Amino acid sequence: MGLLKFIAIVILVYVGIRFIGRFLLPLFLGILIKRAGDNSNAGRYWQNRRSQEGEVKLKGKKTESRFSKDEGEYVDYEEIKD
């Protein structure tokens, strides 16, 4: 009796996994792909937006000074060997 119960459980788990793989997984992946496509289209709007004539845009990080104003002026020097 225990062996038949075990075999029945294994078959039910197998059928359940097949059901999820065949019907629910493609549905779930389709939703994910649609959302990814929507997000990429939103990003393209900002990339393709044209700037007005004469407008200047700078891309990149704002650089900060390596030295604080309390340290004084930085002088780059080279050592001269005699």
N, C-alpha and C. Protein backbone atom coordinates (compact mmCIF):
# COMPACT_ATOMS: atom_id res chain seq x y z
N MET A 1 0.81 -1.19 0.00
CA MET A 1 0.00 0.00 0.00
C MET A 1 0.86 1.26 0.00
N GLY A 2 1.95 1.24 0.76
CA GLY A 2 2.84 2.39 0.85
C GLY A 2 3.52 2.68 -0.48
N LEU A 3 3.85 1.61 -1.23
CA LEU A 3 4.50 1.78 -2.53
C LEU A 3 3.55 2.42 -3.53
N LEU A 4 2.29 2.01 -3.51
CA LEU A 4 1.30 2.59 -4.43
C LEU A 4 1.07 4.07 -4.11
N LYS A 5 1.04 4.40 -2.83
CA LYS A 5 0.86 5.79 -2.42
C LYS A 5 2.05 6.63 -2.91
N PHE A 6 3.25 6.11 -2.75
CA PHE A 6 4.46 6.81 -3.19
C PHE A 6 4.44 7.03 -4.71
N ILE A 7 4.09 6.01 -5.47
CA ILE A 7 4.04 6.12 -6.93
C ILE A 7 2.97 7.13 -7.35
N ALA A 8 1.83 7.14 -6.67
CA ALA A 8 0.76 8.09 -6.99
C ALA A 8 1.22 9.53 -6.73
N ILE A 9 1.93 9.75 -5.64
CA ILE A 9 2.44 11.09 -5.32
C ILE A 9 3.46 11.53 -6.36
N VAL A 10 4.36 10.64 -6.74
CA VAL A 10 5.37 10.97 -7.75
C VAL A 10 4.70 11.33 -9.08
N ILE A 11 3.70 10.57 -9.46
CA ILE A 11 2.99 10.86 -10.72
C ILE A 11 2.27 12.20 -10.64
N LEU A 12 1.61 12.49 -9.53
CA LEU A 12 0.93 13.77 -9.37
C LEU A 12 1.90 14.95 -9.39
N VAL A 13 3.04 14.80 -8.76
CA VAL A 13 4.06 15.86 -8.78
C VAL A 13 4.57 16.05 -10.21
N TYR A 14 4.82 14.99 -10.91
CA TYR A 14 5.29 15.07 -12.30
C TYR A 14 4.27 15.77 -13.19
N VAL A 15 2.99 15.38 -13.05
CA VAL A 15 1.93 16.00 -13.85
C VAL A 15 1.80 17.48 -13.49
N GLY A 16 1.92 17.80 -12.21
CA GLY A 16 1.85 19.20 -11.77
C GLY A 16 2.97 20.04 -12.35
N ILE A 17 4.17 19.50 -12.35
CA ILE A 17 5.31 20.23 -12.92
C ILE A 17 5.13 20.42 -14.42
N ARG A 18 4.64 19.40 -15.09
CA ARG A 18 4.39 19.52 -16.54
C ARG A 18 3.33 20.58 -16.82
N PHE A 19 2.28 20.63 -15.99
CA PHE A 19 1.21 21.62 -16.16
C PHE A 19 1.77 23.03 -16.00
N ILE A 20 2.57 23.24 -14.96
CA ILE A 20 3.16 24.56 -14.72
C ILE A 20 4.08 24.93 -15.88
N GLY A 21 4.88 23.99 -16.33
CA GLY A 21 5.81 24.26 -17.42
C GLY A 21 5.14 24.53 -18.75
N ARG A 22 4.03 23.89 -19.00
CA ARG A 22 3.37 24.00 -20.29
C ARG A 22 2.43 25.20 -20.38
N PHE A 23 1.72 25.53 -19.30
CA PHE A 23 0.69 26.57 -19.38
C PHE A 23 1.05 27.84 -18.62
N LEU A 24 1.48 27.70 -17.39
CA LEU A 24 1.69 28.89 -16.56
C LEU A 24 3.03 29.57 -16.82
N LEU A 25 4.07 28.84 -17.09
CA LEU A 25 5.38 29.44 -17.34
C LEU A 25 5.39 30.32 -18.58
N PRO A 26 4.86 29.89 -19.73
CA PRO A 26 4.82 30.78 -20.89
C PRO A 26 3.98 32.04 -20.65
N LEU A 27 2.91 31.90 -19.90
CA LEU A 27 2.07 33.06 -19.57
C LEU A 27 2.87 34.05 -18.73
N PHE A 28 3.56 33.54 -17.73
CA PHE A 28 4.38 34.39 -16.86
C PHE A 28 5.52 35.05 -17.64
N LEU A 29 6.20 34.30 -18.49
CA LEU A 29 7.30 34.87 -19.27
C LEU A 29 6.79 35.91 -20.27
N GLY A 30 5.61 35.69 -20.84
CA GLY A 30 5.02 36.67 -21.76
C GLY A 30 4.77 37.99 -21.07
N ILE A 31 4.28 37.93 -19.84
CA ILE A 31 4.05 39.16 -19.07
C ILE A 31 5.37 39.87 -18.79
N LEU A 32 6.40 39.12 -18.43
CA LEU A 32 7.71 39.73 -18.16
C LEU A 32 8.30 40.38 -19.41
N ILE A 33 8.17 39.73 -20.55
CA ILE A 33 8.70 40.27 -21.80
C ILE A 33 7.96 41.54 -22.19
N LYS A 34 6.65 41.57 -21.98
CA LYS A 34 5.86 42.75 -22.30
C LYS A 34 6.28 43.93 -21.42
N ARG A 35 6.47 43.67 -20.14
CA ARG A 35 6.91 44.74 -19.23
C ARG A 35 8.29 45.26 -19.61
N ALA A 36 9.19 44.38 -19.99
CA ALA A 36 10.54 44.81 -20.38
C ALA A 36 10.47 45.66 -21.64
N GLY A 37 9.60 45.31 -22.58
CA GLY A 37 9.44 46.11 -23.79
C GLY A 37 8.87 47.48 -23.48
N ASP A 38 7.93 47.57 -22.55
CA ASP A 38 7.36 48.86 -22.17
C ASP A 38 8.41 49.75 -21.53
N ASN A 39 9.26 49.17 -20.70
CA ASN A 39 10.30 49.96 -20.04
C ASN A 39 11.34 50.45 -21.04
N SER A 40 11.68 49.65 -22.04
CA SER A 40 12.68 50.08 -23.01
C SER A 40 12.14 51.19 -23.90
N ASN A 41 10.85 51.15 -24.22
CA ASN A 41 10.26 52.22 -25.03
C ASN A 41 10.24 53.54 -24.26
N ALA A 42 10.04 53.49 -22.97
CA ALA A 42 10.05 54.72 -22.17
C ALA A 42 11.44 55.34 -22.16
N GLY A 43 12.47 54.53 -22.13
CA GLY A 43 13.84 55.05 -22.15
C GLY A 43 14.21 55.66 -23.47
N ARG A 44 13.66 55.13 -24.55
CA ARG A 44 13.98 55.66 -25.88
C ARG A 44 13.42 57.06 -26.07
N TYR A 45 12.32 57.37 -25.40
CA TYR A 45 11.73 58.70 -25.53
C TYR A 45 12.74 59.76 -25.11
N TRP A 46 13.40 59.53 -24.01
CA TRP A 46 14.35 60.53 -23.52
C TRP A 46 15.62 60.57 -24.36
N GLN A 47 16.02 59.45 -24.91
CA GLN A 47 17.23 59.43 -25.73
C GLN A 47 17.00 60.13 -27.06
N ASN A 48 15.82 59.99 -27.63
CA ASN A 48 15.55 60.56 -28.95
C ASN A 48 15.04 62.00 -28.90
N ARG A 49 14.80 62.52 -27.73
CA ARG A 49 14.29 63.87 -27.60
C ARG A 49 15.35 64.86 -28.08
N ARG A 50 14.96 65.71 -28.98
CA ARG A 50 15.93 66.64 -29.56
C ARG A 50 16.06 67.88 -28.68
N SER A 51 17.27 68.39 -28.58
CA SER A 51 17.49 69.60 -27.80
C SER A 51 17.23 70.82 -28.67
N GLN A 52 16.90 71.91 -28.01
CA GLN A 52 16.65 73.14 -28.75
C GLN A 52 17.96 73.69 -29.29
N GLU A 53 17.88 74.47 -30.34
CA GLU A 53 19.07 75.01 -30.97
C GLU A 53 19.78 75.94 -29.98
N GLY A 54 21.07 75.76 -29.82
CA GLY A 54 21.87 76.59 -28.93
C GLY A 54 21.94 76.05 -27.51
N GLU A 55 21.20 74.99 -27.20
CA GLU A 55 21.21 74.44 -25.86
C GLU A 55 22.43 73.54 -25.70
N VAL A 56 23.11 73.67 -24.58
CA VAL A 56 24.31 72.89 -24.32
C VAL A 56 24.01 71.92 -23.19
N LYS A 57 24.33 70.64 -23.42
CA LYS A 57 24.13 69.62 -22.39
C LYS A 57 25.47 68.96 -22.10
N LEU A 58 25.78 68.79 -20.84
CA LEU A 58 26.99 68.11 -20.43
C LEU A 58 26.61 66.76 -19.86
N LYS A 59 27.28 65.72 -20.33
CA LYS A 59 27.04 64.38 -19.81
C LYS A 59 28.24 63.97 -18.98
N GLY A 60 27.97 63.25 -17.94
CA GLY A 60 29.05 62.76 -17.10
C GLY A 60 28.89 63.21 -15.67
N LYS A 61 29.76 62.70 -14.83
CA LYS A 61 29.73 63.02 -13.42
C LYS A 61 30.35 64.39 -13.16
N LYS A 62 29.81 65.06 -12.20
CA LYS A 62 30.42 66.31 -11.77
C LYS A 62 31.67 65.96 -10.98
N THR A 63 32.79 66.50 -11.40
CA THR A 63 34.05 66.18 -10.72
C THR A 63 34.24 67.11 -9.54
N GLU A 64 34.72 66.55 -8.48
CA GLU A 64 35.01 67.34 -7.30
C GLU A 64 36.51 67.53 -7.20
N SER A 65 36.90 68.60 -6.56
CA SER A 65 38.31 68.87 -6.38
C SER A 65 38.93 67.81 -5.47
N ARG A 66 40.14 67.41 -5.78
CA ARG A 66 40.80 66.41 -4.96
C ARG A 66 41.30 67.00 -3.65
N PHE A 67 41.41 68.30 -3.59
CA PHE A 67 41.97 68.96 -2.42
C PHE A 67 40.96 69.95 -1.87
N SER A 68 40.92 70.06 -0.56
CA SER A 68 40.01 71.03 0.04
C SER A 68 40.64 72.41 -0.06
N LYS A 69 39.83 73.42 0.11
CA LYS A 69 40.32 74.81 -0.01
C LYS A 69 41.24 75.17 1.14
N ASP A 70 41.19 74.42 2.23
CA ASP A 70 42.03 74.71 3.39
C ASP A 70 43.48 74.27 3.17
N GLU A 71 43.72 73.40 2.20
CA GLU A 71 45.06 72.87 1.99
C GLU A 71 45.96 73.83 1.22
N GLY A 72 45.42 74.80 0.59
CA GLY A 72 46.24 75.72 -0.18
C GLY A 72 46.30 75.31 -1.64
N GLU A 73 47.18 75.94 -2.38
CA GLU A 73 47.28 75.69 -3.82
C GLU A 73 48.14 74.46 -4.08
N TYR A 74 47.70 73.62 -5.00
CA TYR A 74 48.43 72.43 -5.37
C TYR A 74 49.38 72.77 -6.51
N VAL A 75 50.64 72.41 -6.33
CA VAL A 75 51.64 72.67 -7.36
C VAL A 75 52.20 71.33 -7.81
N ASP A 76 52.07 71.05 -9.11
CA ASP A 76 52.61 69.84 -9.66
C ASP A 76 54.10 70.07 -9.95
N TYR A 77 54.94 69.16 -9.52
CA TYR A 77 56.37 69.34 -9.73
C TYR A 77 57.02 68.05 -10.19
N GLU A 78 58.21 68.17 -10.73
CA GLU A 78 59.00 67.02 -11.13
C GLU A 78 60.34 67.09 -10.40
N GLU A 79 60.81 65.93 -9.98
CA GLU A 79 62.11 65.92 -9.34
C GLU A 79 63.21 65.94 -10.40
N ILE A 80 64.22 66.70 -10.13
CA ILE A 80 65.36 66.78 -11.04
C ILE A 80 66.53 66.11 -10.34
N LYS A 81 67.08 65.07 -10.98
CA LYS A 81 68.24 64.37 -10.39
C LYS A 81 69.51 64.93 -10.97
N ASP A 82 70.46 65.16 -10.09
CA ASP A 82 71.76 65.69 -10.54
C ASP A 82 72.69 64.64 -10.99
